């Protein structure tokens, strides 16, 4: 049995169904991210785990104990909100100590635990400050320490970095992951930022319209997207339309150029249209580039992105992007130039709708 289990969870607000048959089993100490656009249901699932929302149907347990009859304050859960939610009239010390005081812990234990938590987030020298005297990143670290102080079974993080600037977000997400690994606490992290989810998660749940489109490791989610939505939402991806020529031999055509796929298309018949996915980093224009497949087309644009140059080409009505390393002294191909992109056939994935 998994440590945190959600089975066939549904949630409706009147006639509006926001979560459909959501099932997820999370192991003890695992870091799982719910990733998806606004309105996909990810925060609603998080709020049901916390007890702020009641499932319309389904079961929810932690360490084998049914959580549905329990109120939020009866569940051993720590939560970090997007808006920090620190008490403005309390010092950093008192904010972190709040949950322990409510639980009736003795003063010596509270002081010891607060000191430990502030040391963990490297803010022990700011124990007497108030929230308004601190930066956004510091306030979010205090909110994290407050959630961890009560030694929760599960830590819930609801887009905790979205209000911070890009540089602080990167450093703070690394801190959160390091603290989570040090404590071994089971963590659920909600975000709409794919880079965040890919960089710190053990597994990712990609949510779409109240459903889990795909659950897998960051490697699986990025390299083998299961649906068109996952393919388009996670990372930059070329979506290519092709026609099946010989399903038994996995032969397709893109425009007028034939390709043999590694992935089976025997579920289709000759003449059917299929959607294919190709990552921009998979191909190369180099003459000696490794790869058993090639597509030729005309360059339509080239955009300088610093370390790489993202170039687009037209192949049979499909716009295909590919990345080239920025090499000083070597200009990218000009618009209108005919080029050949070489890649491995296994990088060309069939995407189901």
C-alpha atoms as a PDB file:
ATOM      1  CA  UNK A   1       0.000   0.000   0.000  1.00  0.00           C
ATOM      2  CA  UNK A   2       1.263   3.455  -0.938  1.00  0.00           C
ATOM      3  CA  UNK A   3       1.715   6.109   1.759  1.00  0.00           C
ATOM      4  CA  UNK A   4      -0.689   8.652   0.204  1.00  0.00           C
ATOM      5  CA  UNK A   5      -3.497   7.131  -1.839  1.00  0.00           C
ATOM      6  CA  UNK A   6      -6.141   8.911  -3.896  1.00  0.00           C
ATOM      7  CA  UNK A   7      -8.514   6.498  -5.627  1.00  0.00           C
ATOM      8  CA  UNK A   8     -11.208   7.491  -8.139  1.00  0.00           C
ATOM      9  CA  UNK A   9     -11.482  10.975  -6.652  1.00  0.00           C
ATOM     10  CA  UNK A  10     -14.191  13.183  -8.145  1.00  0.00           C
ATOM     11  CA  UNK A  11     -15.127  16.759  -7.339  1.00  0.00           C
ATOM     12  CA  UNK A  12     -18.100  18.730  -8.594  1.00  0.00           C
ATOM     13  CA  UNK A  13     -19.357  22.202  -7.776  1.00  0.00           C
ATOM     14  CA  UNK A  14     -23.035  21.945  -8.640  1.00  0.00           C
ATOM     15  CA  UNK A  15     -23.198  20.791 -12.252  1.00  0.00           C
ATOM     16  CA  UNK A  16     -19.568  21.693 -12.913  1.00  0.00           C
ATOM     17  CA  UNK A  17     -17.219  18.684 -12.752  1.00  0.00           C
ATOM     18  CA  UNK A  18     -13.693  19.868 -11.981  1.00  0.00           C
ATOM     19  CA  UNK A  19     -11.956  16.559 -11.136  1.00  0.00           C
ATOM     20  CA  UNK A  20     -12.777  13.280 -12.892  1.00  0.00           C
ATOM     21  CA  UNK A  21     -11.789   9.850 -11.507  1.00  0.00           C
ATOM     22  CA  UNK A  22      -8.381  10.973 -10.283  1.00  0.00           C
ATOM     23  CA  UNK A  23      -6.195   8.119  -9.011  1.00  0.00           C
ATOM     24  CA  UNK A  24      -2.668   8.568  -7.657  1.00  0.00           C
ATOM     25  CA  UNK A  25      -0.545   6.454  -5.298  1.00  0.00           C
ATOM     26  CA  UNK A  26       2.392   8.316  -3.741  1.00  0.00           C
ATOM     27  CA  UNK A  27       5.171   6.544  -1.837  1.00  0.00           C
ATOM     28  CA  UNK A  28       6.615   7.734   1.469  1.00  0.00           C
ATOM     29  CA  UNK A  29       9.326  10.350   0.915  1.00  0.00           C
ATOM     30  CA  UNK A  30       8.367  10.913  -2.733  1.00  0.00           C
ATOM     31  CA  UNK A  31       8.262  14.364  -4.321  1.00  0.00           C
ATOM     32  CA  UNK A  32       5.342  14.559  -6.768  1.00  0.00           C
ATOM     33  CA  UNK A  33       4.398  17.619  -8.824  1.00  0.00           C
ATOM     34  CA  UNK A  34       0.948  18.346 -10.220  1.00  0.00           C
ATOM     35  CA  UNK A  35       1.578  20.219 -13.457  1.00  0.00           C
ATOM     36  CA  UNK A  36      -0.987  21.880 -15.681  1.00  0.00           C
ATOM     37  CA  UNK A  37      -2.577  25.133 -16.839  1.00  0.00           C
ATOM     38  CA  UNK A  38      -4.929  27.257 -14.758  1.00  0.00           C
ATOM     39  CA  UNK A  39      -8.290  25.579 -14.237  1.00  0.00           C
ATOM     40  CA  UNK A  40      -7.074  22.020 -14.818  1.00  0.00           C
ATOM     41  CA  UNK A  41      -7.996  20.868 -11.280  1.00  0.00           C
ATOM     42  CA  UNK A  42      -4.533  20.524  -9.742  1.00  0.00           C
ATOM     43  CA  UNK A  43      -5.140  22.914  -6.827  1.00  0.00           C
ATOM     44  CA  UNK A  44      -8.565  21.359  -6.190  1.00  0.00           C
ATOM     45  CA  UNK A  45      -6.890  17.957  -5.735  1.00  0.00           C
ATOM     46  CA  UNK A  46      -4.362  19.548  -3.354  1.00  0.00           C
ATOM     47  CA  UNK A  47      -7.163  21.165  -1.345  1.00  0.00           C
ATOM     48  CA  UNK A  48      -8.947  17.812  -1.058  1.00  0.00           C
ATOM     49  CA  UNK A  49      -5.773  16.260   0.374  1.00  0.00           C
ATOM     50  CA  UNK A  50      -5.562  19.142   2.863  1.00  0.00           C
ATOM     51  CA  UNK A  51      -9.232  18.830   3.792  1.00  0.00           C
ATOM     52  CA  UNK A  52     -10.294  22.273   2.532  1.00  0.00           C
ATOM     53  CA  UNK A  53     -12.511  20.594  -0.070  1.00  0.00           C
ATOM     54  CA  UNK A  54     -14.531  17.392   0.303  1.00  0.00           C
ATOM     55  CA  UNK A  55     -14.420  14.846  -2.545  1.00  0.00           C
ATOM     56  CA  UNK A  56     -17.753  14.233  -4.244  1.00  0.00           C
ATOM     57  CA  UNK A  57     -16.698  10.597  -4.616  1.00  0.00           C
ATOM     58  CA  UNK A  58     -13.636   8.397  -4.140  1.00  0.00           C
ATOM     59  CA  UNK A  59     -11.269   7.563  -1.299  1.00  0.00           C
ATOM     60  CA  UNK A  60      -8.262   9.362   0.222  1.00  0.00           C
ATOM     61  CA  UNK A  61      -5.904   7.879   2.800  1.00  0.00           C
ATOM     62  CA  UNK A  62      -2.549   8.634   4.416  1.00  0.00           C
ATOM     63  CA  UNK A  63      -0.548   5.753   5.913  1.00  0.00           C
ATOM     64  CA  UNK A  64      -3.635   3.583   5.555  1.00  0.00           C
ATOM     65  CA  UNK A  65      -5.919   5.954   7.491  1.00  0.00           C
ATOM     66  CA  UNK A  66      -9.030   7.330   5.786  1.00  0.00           C
ATOM     67  CA  UNK A  67      -8.783  11.143   5.716  1.00  0.00           C
ATOM     68  CA  UNK A  68     -12.278  11.982   4.499  1.00  0.00           C
ATOM     69  CA  UNK A  69     -13.931  12.226   7.949  1.00  0.00           C
ATOM     70  CA  UNK A  70     -11.118  14.442   9.268  1.00  0.00           C
ATOM     71  CA  UNK A  71     -11.134  18.243   9.313  1.00  0.00           C
ATOM     72  CA  UNK A  72      -8.012  20.097   8.093  1.00  0.00           C
ATOM     73  CA  UNK A  73      -6.716  20.629  11.637  1.00  0.00           C
ATOM     74  CA  UNK A  74      -7.118  16.902  12.346  1.00  0.00           C
ATOM     75  CA  UNK A  75      -4.893  15.867   9.454  1.00  0.00           C
ATOM     76  CA  UNK A  76      -1.154  15.787  10.009  1.00  0.00           C
ATOM     77  CA  UNK A  77      -0.415  17.961   6.990  1.00  0.00           C
ATOM     78  CA  UNK A  78       1.775  21.017   6.443  1.00  0.00           C
ATOM     79  CA  UNK A  79       0.791  23.492   3.733  1.00  0.00           C
ATOM     80  CA  UNK A  80       2.623  26.341   2.065  1.00  0.00           C
ATOM     81  CA  UNK A  81       0.412  28.793   0.195  1.00  0.00           C
ATOM     82  CA  UNK A  82       1.129  30.919  -2.846  1.00  0.00           C
ATOM     83  CA  UNK A  83       0.549  34.135  -0.851  1.00  0.00           C
ATOM     84  CA  UNK A  84       2.786  33.142   2.139  1.00  0.00           C
ATOM     85  CA  UNK A  85      -0.097  33.719   4.653  1.00  0.00           C
ATOM     86  CA  UNK A  86       2.278  34.814   7.433  1.00  0.00           C
ATOM     87  CA  UNK A  87       0.840  36.609  10.452  1.00  0.00           C
ATOM     88  CA  UNK A  88       1.963  40.251  10.018  1.00  0.00           C
ATOM     89  CA  UNK A  89       1.817  41.034  13.753  1.00  0.00           C
ATOM     90  CA  UNK A  90       4.085  38.098  14.687  1.00  0.00           C
ATOM     91  CA  UNK A  91       7.850  37.824  14.470  1.00  0.00           C
ATOM     92  CA  UNK A  92       9.528  35.148  12.371  1.00  0.00           C
ATOM     93  CA  UNK A  93      10.035  33.070  15.533  1.00  0.00           C
ATOM     94  CA  UNK A  94       6.369  33.315  16.513  1.00  0.00           C
ATOM     95  CA  UNK A  95       5.147  32.539  12.976  1.00  0.00           C
ATOM     96  CA  UNK A  96       7.171  29.323  12.900  1.00  0.00           C
ATOM     97  CA  UNK A  97       6.080  28.479  16.458  1.00  0.00           C
ATOM     98  CA  UNK A  98       2.365  29.026  15.797  1.00  0.00           C
ATOM     99  CA  UNK A  99       1.366  25.456  14.955  1.00  0.00           C
ATOM    100  CA  UNK A 100       3.358  24.061  17.869  1.00  0.00           C
ATOM    101  CA  UNK A 101       1.671  26.475  20.304  1.00  0.00           C
ATOM    102  CA  UNK A 102      -1.780  25.497  19.021  1.00  0.00           C
ATOM    103  CA  UNK A 103      -0.822  21.844  19.551  1.00  0.00           C
ATOM    104  CA  UNK A 104       0.097  22.646  23.172  1.00  0.00           C
ATOM    105  CA  UNK A 105       3.792  21.818  22.942  1.00  0.00           C
ATOM    106  CA  UNK A 106       5.919  22.939  25.930  1.00  0.00           C
ATOM    107  CA  UNK A 107       7.943  26.154  25.527  1.00  0.00           C
ATOM    108  CA  UNK A 108      11.326  24.383  25.600  1.00  0.00           C
ATOM    109  CA  UNK A 109      10.255  22.057  22.785  1.00  0.00           C
ATOM    110  CA  UNK A 110       8.835  24.974  20.771  1.00  0.00           C
ATOM    111  CA  UNK A 111      12.020  27.052  21.077  1.00  0.00           C
ATOM    112  CA  UNK A 112      14.190  24.088  20.164  1.00  0.00           C
ATOM    113  CA  UNK A 113      12.075  23.165  17.127  1.00  0.00           C
ATOM    114  CA  UNK A 114      11.867  26.784  15.892  1.00  0.00           C
ATOM    115  CA  UNK A 115      15.638  27.136  16.185  1.00  0.00           C
ATOM    116  CA  UNK A 116      16.080  23.902  14.235  1.00  0.00           C
ATOM    117  CA  UNK A 117      13.688  25.024  11.463  1.00  0.00           C
ATOM    118  CA  UNK A 118      15.193  28.501  11.132  1.00  0.00           C
ATOM    119  CA  UNK A 119      18.635  26.910  10.890  1.00  0.00           C
ATOM    120  CA  UNK A 120      17.316  24.600   8.167  1.00  0.00           C
ATOM    121  CA  UNK A 121      16.161  27.563   6.056  1.00  0.00           C
ATOM    122  CA  UNK A 122      19.246  29.620   7.003  1.00  0.00           C
ATOM    123  CA  UNK A 123      17.264  32.469   8.597  1.00  0.00           C
ATOM    124  CA  UNK A 124      18.069  31.908  12.281  1.00  0.00           C
ATOM    125  CA  UNK A 125      19.650  35.382  12.406  1.00  0.00           C
ATOM    126  CA  UNK A 126      16.275  36.955  11.483  1.00  0.00           C
ATOM    127  CA  UNK A 127      14.138  35.344  14.192  1.00  0.00           C
ATOM    128  CA  UNK A 128      13.038  38.694  15.649  1.00  0.00           C
ATOM    129  CA  UNK A 129      12.061  40.348  12.379  1.00  0.00           C
ATOM    130  CA  UNK A 130       8.510  40.815  11.139  1.00  0.00           C
ATOM    131  CA  UNK A 131       7.256  39.724   7.688  1.00  0.00           C
ATOM    132  CA  UNK A 132       7.132  43.288   6.308  1.00  0.00           C
ATOM    133  CA  UNK A 133      10.868  43.600   7.013  1.00  0.00           C
ATOM    134  CA  UNK A 134      11.736  40.652   4.781  1.00  0.00           C
ATOM    135  CA  UNK A 135      11.949  39.936   1.053  1.00  0.00           C
ATOM    136  CA  UNK A 136       9.440  37.702  -0.719  1.00  0.00           C
ATOM    137  CA  UNK A 137      11.909  34.826  -0.873  1.00  0.00           C
ATOM    138  CA  UNK A 138      12.640  35.093   2.849  1.00  0.00           C
ATOM    139  CA  UNK A 139       8.929  35.185   3.682  1.00  0.00           C
ATOM    140  CA  UNK A 140       8.308  32.043   1.631  1.00  0.00           C
ATOM    141  CA  UNK A 141      11.120  30.244   3.451  1.00  0.00           C
ATOM    142  CA  UNK A 142       9.512  31.209   6.779  1.00  0.00           C
ATOM    143  CA  UNK A 143       6.197  29.828   5.518  1.00  0.00           C
ATOM    144  CA  UNK A 144       7.986  26.587   4.644  1.00  0.00           C
ATOM    145  CA  UNK A 145       9.603  26.399   8.099  1.00  0.00           C
ATOM    146  CA  UNK A 146       6.210  26.973   9.754  1.00  0.00           C
ATOM    147  CA  UNK A 147       4.679  24.111   7.727  1.00  0.00           C
ATOM    148  CA  UNK A 148       7.558  21.758   8.629  1.00  0.00           C
ATOM    149  CA  UNK A 149       7.754  22.693  12.316  1.00  0.00           C
ATOM    150  CA  UNK A 150       4.792  20.481  13.279  1.00  0.00           C
ATOM    151  CA  UNK A 151       6.460  17.411  11.677  1.00  0.00           C
ATOM    152  CA  UNK A 152       3.678  16.725   9.168  1.00  0.00           C
ATOM    153  CA  UNK A 153       3.199  13.387   7.425  1.00  0.00           C
ATOM    154  CA  UNK A 154       2.680  15.181   4.103  1.00  0.00           C
ATOM    155  CA  UNK A 155       3.860  18.587   2.873  1.00  0.00           C
ATOM    156  CA  UNK A 156       1.624  20.402   0.362  1.00  0.00           C
ATOM    157  CA  UNK A 157       2.978  23.298  -1.715  1.00  0.00           C
ATOM    158  CA  UNK A 158       0.469  25.356  -3.706  1.00  0.00           C
ATOM    159  CA  UNK A 159       2.445  27.278  -6.365  1.00  0.00           C
ATOM    160  CA  UNK A 160       4.731  28.675  -3.630  1.00  0.00           C
ATOM    161  CA  UNK A 161       7.170  30.340  -6.032  1.00  0.00           C
ATOM    162  CA  UNK A 162       4.844  32.050  -8.501  1.00  0.00           C
ATOM    163  CA  UNK A 163       5.072  35.495  -6.858  1.00  0.00           C
ATOM    164  CA  UNK A 164       8.889  35.568  -6.917  1.00  0.00           C
ATOM    165  CA  UNK A 165      11.240  36.773  -9.637  1.00  0.00           C
ATOM    166  CA  UNK A 166      12.938  34.225 -11.889  1.00  0.00           C
ATOM    167  CA  UNK A 167      16.360  34.107 -10.220  1.00  0.00           C
ATOM    168  CA  UNK A 168      14.964  33.683  -6.702  1.00  0.00           C
ATOM    169  CA  UNK A 169      12.537  31.013  -7.948  1.00  0.00           C
ATOM    170  CA  UNK A 170      15.403  28.861  -9.210  1.00  0.00           C
ATOM    171  CA  UNK A 171      17.427  29.097  -5.986  1.00  0.00           C
ATOM    172  CA  UNK A 172      14.403  28.590  -3.725  1.00  0.00           C
ATOM    173  CA  UNK A 173      13.077  25.555  -5.586  1.00  0.00           C
ATOM    174  CA  UNK A 174      16.512  23.962  -5.199  1.00  0.00           C
ATOM    175  CA  UNK A 175      16.397  24.735  -1.461  1.00  0.00           C
ATOM    176  CA  UNK A 176      12.922  23.209  -1.155  1.00  0.00           C
ATOM    177  CA  UNK A 177      14.077  20.033  -2.884  1.00  0.00           C
ATOM    178  CA  UNK A 178      17.210  19.795  -0.729  1.00  0.00           C
ATOM    179  CA  UNK A 179      15.182  20.238   2.482  1.00  0.00           C
ATOM    180  CA  UNK A 180      12.586  17.689   1.319  1.00  0.00           C
ATOM    181  CA  UNK A 181      15.292  15.115   0.601  1.00  0.00           C
ATOM    182  CA  UNK A 182      17.032  15.804   3.917  1.00  0.00           C
ATOM    183  CA  UNK A 183      13.822  15.315   5.903  1.00  0.00           C
ATOM    184  CA  UNK A 184      12.444  12.528   3.701  1.00  0.00           C
ATOM    185  CA  UNK A 185       8.981  14.057   3.819  1.00  0.00           C
ATOM    186  CA  UNK A 186       6.275  13.067   1.325  1.00  0.00           C
ATOM    187  CA  UNK A 187       5.609  16.185  -0.760  1.00  0.00           C
ATOM    188  CA  UNK A 188       2.999  17.287  -3.291  1.00  0.00           C
ATOM    189  CA  UNK A 189       3.925  20.399  -5.274  1.00  0.00           C
ATOM    190  CA  UNK A 190       1.443  22.256  -7.498  1.00  0.00           C
ATOM    191  CA  UNK A 191       2.805  24.364 -10.358  1.00  0.00           C
ATOM    192  CA  UNK A 192       2.046  25.542 -13.873  1.00  0.00           C
ATOM    193  CA  UNK A 193       5.784  25.961 -14.563  1.00  0.00           C
ATOM    194  CA  UNK A 194       7.096  22.950 -16.470  1.00  0.00           C
ATOM    195  CA  UNK A 195      10.750  23.748 -15.731  1.00  0.00           C
ATOM    196  CA  UNK A 196      10.036  23.700 -11.987  1.00  0.00           C
ATOM    197  CA  UNK A 197       8.274  20.358 -12.208  1.00  0.00           C
ATOM    198  CA  UNK A 198      10.925  18.757 -14.428  1.00  0.00           C
ATOM    199  CA  UNK A 199      13.855  19.940 -12.293  1.00  0.00           C
ATOM    200  CA  UNK A 200      12.792  18.861  -8.788  1.00  0.00           C
ATOM    201  CA  UNK A 201      10.238  16.037  -9.037  1.00  0.00           C
ATOM    202  CA  UNK A 202      10.486  12.294  -8.601  1.00  0.00           C
ATOM    203  CA  UNK A 203       7.269  12.005 -10.593  1.00  0.00           C
ATOM    204  CA  UNK A 204       4.979  14.432 -12.400  1.00  0.00           C
ATOM    205  CA  UNK A 205       1.209  14.323 -12.881  1.00  0.00           C
ATOM    206  CA  UNK A 206       0.263  16.300 -16.003  1.00  0.00           C
ATOM    207  CA  UNK A 207      -3.340  17.400 -15.521  1.00  0.00           C
ATOM    208  CA  UNK A 208      -5.761  18.499 -18.213  1.00  0.00           C
ATOM    209  CA  UNK A 209      -9.442  19.371 -17.719  1.00  0.00           C
ATOM    210  CA  UNK A 210      -9.683  17.592 -14.364  1.00  0.00           C
ATOM    211  CA  UNK A 211      -7.934  14.415 -15.468  1.00  0.00           C
ATOM    212  CA  UNK A 212      -4.414  13.044 -15.202  1.00  0.00           C
ATOM    213  CA  UNK A 213      -3.275  12.842 -18.826  1.00  0.00           C
ATOM    214  CA  UNK A 214       0.016  11.218 -17.846  1.00  0.00           C
ATOM    215  CA  UNK A 215       1.885  10.215 -14.681  1.00  0.00           C
ATOM    216  CA  UNK A 216       5.593   9.499 -14.912  1.00  0.00           C
ATOM    217  CA  UNK A 217       9.152  10.545 -14.163  1.00  0.00           C
ATOM    218  CA  UNK A 218      10.400  13.840 -15.634  1.00  0.00           C
ATOM    219  CA  UNK A 219      12.384  11.769 -18.170  1.00  0.00           C
ATOM    220  CA  UNK A 220       9.261   9.858 -19.241  1.00  0.00           C
ATOM    221  CA  UNK A 221       7.026  12.926 -19.375  1.00  0.00           C
ATOM    222  CA  UNK A 222       9.471  14.892 -21.514  1.00  0.00           C
ATOM    223  CA  UNK A 223      10.747  12.159 -23.825  1.00  0.00           C
ATOM    224  CA  UNK A 224       7.659   9.982 -24.279  1.00  0.00           C
ATOM    225  CA  UNK A 225       4.533  12.165 -23.944  1.00  0.00           C
ATOM    226  CA  UNK A 226       1.407  10.008 -23.919  1.00  0.00           C
ATOM    227  CA  UNK A 227      -1.075  12.502 -25.375  1.00  0.00           C
ATOM    228  CA  UNK A 228      -1.143  15.488 -27.688  1.00  0.00           C
ATOM    229  CA  UNK A 229      -1.790  17.752 -24.687  1.00  0.00           C
ATOM    230  CA  UNK A 230       1.257  16.507 -22.752  1.00  0.00           C
ATOM    231  CA  UNK A 231       3.394  16.778 -25.874  1.00  0.00           C
ATOM    232  CA  UNK A 232       2.370  20.398 -26.470  1.00  0.00           C
ATOM    233  CA  UNK A 233       2.363  21.534 -22.811  1.00  0.00           C
ATOM    234  CA  UNK A 234       5.681  20.096 -21.611  1.00  0.00           C
ATOM    235  CA  UNK A 235       8.706  21.540 -23.354  1.00  0.00           C
ATOM    236  CA  UNK A 236       8.948  22.818 -26.908  1.00  0.00           C
ATOM    237  CA  UNK A 237       7.751  20.278 -29.429  1.00  0.00           C
ATOM    238  CA  UNK A 238       7.146  19.962 -33.139  1.00  0.00           C
ATOM    239  CA  UNK A 239       3.741  18.476 -33.952  1.00  0.00           C
ATOM    240  CA  UNK A 240       3.875  17.042 -37.458  1.00  0.00           C
ATOM    241  CA  UNK A 241       1.014  15.704 -39.586  1.00  0.00           C
ATOM    242  CA  UNK A 242       1.797  12.622 -41.682  1.00  0.00           C
ATOM    243  CA  UNK A 243      -0.061   9.989 -43.687  1.00  0.00           C
ATOM    244  CA  UNK A 244       0.269   6.253 -43.208  1.00  0.00           C
ATOM    245  CA  UNK A 245       1.470   4.483 -46.358  1.00  0.00           C
ATOM    246  CA  UNK A 246       2.174   0.924 -45.187  1.00  0.00           C
ATOM    247  CA  UNK A 247       1.101   0.243 -41.564  1.00  0.00           C
ATOM    248  CA  UNK A 248       2.696  -3.229 -41.495  1.00  0.00           C
ATOM    249  CA  UNK A 249       6.123  -1.730 -42.265  1.00  0.00           C
ATOM    250  CA  UNK A 250       5.530   1.449 -40.198  1.00  0.00           C
ATOM    251  CA  UNK A 251       5.923   3.558 -43.336  1.00  0.00           C
ATOM    252  CA  UNK A 252       4.541   7.098 -43.389  1.00  0.00           C
ATOM    253  CA  UNK A 253       4.980  10.200 -45.558  1.00  0.00           C
ATOM    254  CA  UNK A 254       5.526  13.771 -44.393  1.00  0.00           C
ATOM    255  CA  UNK A 255       4.612  15.889 -47.391  1.00  0.00           C
ATOM    256  CA  UNK A 256       6.169  13.822 -50.159  1.00  0.00           C
ATOM    257  CA  UNK A 257       9.048  12.439 -48.055  1.00  0.00           C
ATOM    258  CA  UNK A 258       8.885   8.850 -46.844  1.00  0.00           C
ATOM    259  CA  UNK A 259       9.914   7.818 -43.313  1.00  0.00           C
ATOM    260  CA  UNK A 260      10.039   4.460 -41.533  1.00  0.00           C
ATOM    261  CA  UNK A 261       9.042   4.794 -37.887  1.00  0.00           C
ATOM    262  CA  UNK A 262      10.373   2.742 -34.987  1.00  0.00           C
ATOM    263  CA  UNK A 263       6.972   3.045 -33.295  1.00  0.00           C
ATOM    264  CA  UNK A 264       4.192   0.794 -34.576  1.00  0.00           C
ATOM    265  CA  UNK A 265       1.336   2.244 -36.658  1.00  0.00           C
ATOM    266  CA  UNK A 266      -0.438  -1.067 -37.240  1.00  0.00           C
ATOM    267  CA  UNK A 267      -3.497   0.346 -35.440  1.00  0.00           C
ATOM    268  CA  UNK A 268      -3.958   2.641 -38.467  1.00  0.00           C
ATOM    269  CA  UNK A 269      -4.768   1.848 -42.076  1.00  0.00           C
ATOM    270  CA  UNK A 270      -3.179   3.167 -45.265  1.00  0.00           C
ATOM    271  CA  UNK A 271      -4.288   6.739 -45.909  1.00  0.00           C
ATOM    272  CA  UNK A 272      -4.936   7.601 -42.244  1.00  0.00           C
ATOM    273  CA  UNK A 273      -3.478  10.833 -40.855  1.00  0.00           C
ATOM    274  CA  UNK A 274      -1.256  10.525 -37.780  1.00  0.00           C
ATOM    275  CA  UNK A 275       0.284  13.146 -35.507  1.00  0.00           C
ATOM    276  CA  UNK A 276       3.999  12.891 -34.797  1.00  0.00           C
ATOM    277  CA  UNK A 277       6.138  14.674 -32.211  1.00  0.00           C
ATOM    278  CA  UNK A 278       9.783  15.697 -32.574  1.00  0.00           C
ATOM    279  CA  UNK A 279      11.837  17.700 -30.051  1.00  0.00           C
ATOM    280  CA  UNK A 280      13.846  20.638 -31.505  1.00  0.00           C
ATOM    281  CA  UNK A 281      17.067  19.319 -29.960  1.00  0.00           C
ATOM    282  CA  UNK A 282      16.737  15.895 -31.634  1.00  0.00           C
ATOM    283  CA  UNK A 283      17.982  16.917 -35.086  1.00  0.00           C
ATOM    284  CA  UNK A 284      21.144  18.288 -36.640  1.00  0.00           C
ATOM    285  CA  UNK A 285      22.168  19.837 -39.972  1.00  0.00           C
ATOM    286  CA  UNK A 286      25.728  18.528 -39.727  1.00  0.00           C
ATOM    287  CA  UNK A 287      26.735  16.322 -42.661  1.00  0.00           C
ATOM    288  CA  UNK A 288      28.139  13.598 -40.420  1.00  0.00           C
ATOM    289  CA  UNK A 289      25.332  13.768 -37.876  1.00  0.00           C
ATOM    290  CA  UNK A 290      24.167  10.436 -36.495  1.00  0.00           C
ATOM    291  CA  UNK A 291      20.659   9.409 -37.465  1.00  0.00           C
ATOM    292  CA  UNK A 292      18.847   7.037 -39.757  1.00  0.00           C
ATOM    293  CA  UNK A 293      16.207   9.541 -40.883  1.00  0.00           C
ATOM    294  CA  UNK A 294      16.308  12.849 -42.743  1.00  0.00           C
ATOM    295  CA  UNK A 295      13.819  15.533 -43.806  1.00  0.00           C
ATOM    296  CA  UNK A 296      14.572  18.270 -46.330  1.00  0.00           C
ATOM    297  CA  UNK A 297      12.871  21.649 -46.365  1.00  0.00           C
ATOM    298  CA  UNK A 298      13.236  25.407 -46.774  1.00  0.00           C
ATOM    299  CA  UNK A 299      14.304  27.613 -43.853  1.00  0.00           C
ATOM    300  CA  UNK A 300      11.567  30.074 -42.844  1.00  0.00           C
ATOM    301  CA  UNK A 301      13.198  31.795 -39.823  1.00  0.00           C
ATOM    302  CA  UNK A 302      16.111  31.738 -37.368  1.00  0.00           C
ATOM    303  CA  UNK A 303      15.936  33.187 -33.831  1.00  0.00           C
ATOM    304  CA  UNK A 304      18.994  33.864 -31.678  1.00  0.00           C
ATOM    305  CA  UNK A 305      18.368  32.597 -28.095  1.00  0.00           C
ATOM    306  CA  UNK A 306      21.866  32.942 -26.666  1.00  0.00           C
ATOM    307  CA  UNK A 307      23.478  29.521 -26.430  1.00  0.00           C
ATOM    308  CA  UNK A 308      21.246  28.144 -29.196  1.00  0.00           C
ATOM    309  CA  UNK A 309      19.705  29.369 -32.434  1.00  0.00           C
ATOM    310  CA  UNK A 310      16.184  28.071 -33.023  1.00  0.00           C
ATOM    311  CA  UNK A 311      15.621  27.638 -36.739  1.00  0.00           C
ATOM    312  CA  UNK A 312      12.373  26.774 -38.497  1.00  0.00           C
ATOM    313  CA  UNK A 313      11.921  24.948 -41.782  1.00  0.00           C
ATOM    314  CA  UNK A 314       8.904  24.005 -43.906  1.00  0.00           C
ATOM    315  CA  UNK A 315       8.417  20.343 -44.763  1.00  0.00           C
ATOM    316  CA  UNK A 316       5.250  19.460 -46.661  1.00  0.00           C
ATOM    317  CA  UNK A 317       3.257  22.232 -44.996  1.00  0.00           C
ATOM    318  CA  UNK A 318       4.637  21.416 -41.513  1.00  0.00           C
ATOM    319  CA  UNK A 319       6.755  23.966 -39.666  1.00  0.00           C
ATOM    320  CA  UNK A 320       9.590  22.083 -37.964  1.00  0.00           C
ATOM    321  CA  UNK A 321      11.832  23.819 -35.425  1.00  0.00           C
ATOM    322  CA  UNK A 322      15.336  22.626 -34.608  1.00  0.00           C
ATOM    323  CA  UNK A 323      18.066  23.963 -32.347  1.00  0.00           C
ATOM    324  CA  UNK A 324      21.630  24.724 -33.379  1.00  0.00           C
ATOM    325  CA  UNK A 325      24.403  25.559 -30.950  1.00  0.00           C
ATOM    326  CA  UNK A 326      25.568  29.160 -31.227  1.00  0.00           C
ATOM    327  CA  UNK A 327      29.053  28.857 -32.723  1.00  0.00           C
ATOM    328  CA  UNK A 328      30.862  32.219 -33.091  1.00  0.00           C
ATOM    329  CA  UNK A 329      31.877  32.800 -36.694  1.00  0.00           C
ATOM    330  CA  UNK A 330      29.344  30.303 -38.063  1.00  0.00           C
ATOM    331  CA  UNK A 331      26.159  31.865 -39.360  1.00  0.00           C
ATOM    332  CA  UNK A 332      22.845  29.998 -39.254  1.00  0.00           C
ATOM    333  CA  UNK A 333      21.218  29.067 -42.577  1.00  0.00           C
ATOM    334  CA  UNK A 334      19.521  31.964 -44.365  1.00  0.00           C
ATOM    335  CA  UNK A 335      15.771  32.233 -44.884  1.00  0.00           C
ATOM    336  CA  UNK A 336      14.856  30.386 -48.076  1.00  0.00           C
ATOM    337  CA  UNK A 337      17.912  28.134 -47.943  1.00  0.00           C
ATOM    338  CA  UNK A 338      17.210  24.420 -48.495  1.00  0.00           C
ATOM    339  CA  UNK A 339      18.551  22.254 -45.671  1.00  0.00           C
ATOM    340  CA  UNK A 340      18.418  18.622 -44.531  1.00  0.00           C
ATOM    341  CA  UNK A 341      17.654  17.783 -40.914  1.00  0.00           C
ATOM    342  CA  UNK A 342      19.051  14.438 -39.717  1.00  0.00           C
ATOM    343  CA  UNK A 343      17.736  12.569 -36.667  1.00  0.00           C
ATOM    344  CA  UNK A 344      16.967   9.113 -35.320  1.00  0.00           C
ATOM    345  CA  UNK A 345      13.627   7.549 -36.281  1.00  0.00           C
ATOM    346  CA  UNK A 346      13.037   6.641 -32.624  1.00  0.00           C
ATOM    347  CA  UNK A 347      12.848  10.374 -31.809  1.00  0.00           C
ATOM    348  CA  UNK A 348       9.761  10.682 -34.003  1.00  0.00           C
ATOM    349  CA  UNK A 349       6.858   9.702 -31.728  1.00  0.00           C
ATOM    350  CA  UNK A 350       3.273   8.875 -32.647  1.00  0.00           C
ATOM    351  CA  UNK A 351       0.942  11.017 -30.514  1.00  0.00           C
ATOM    352  CA  UNK A 352      -2.587   9.896 -29.685  1.00  0.00           C
ATOM    353  CA  UNK A 353      -5.313  12.474 -29.176  1.00  0.00           C
END
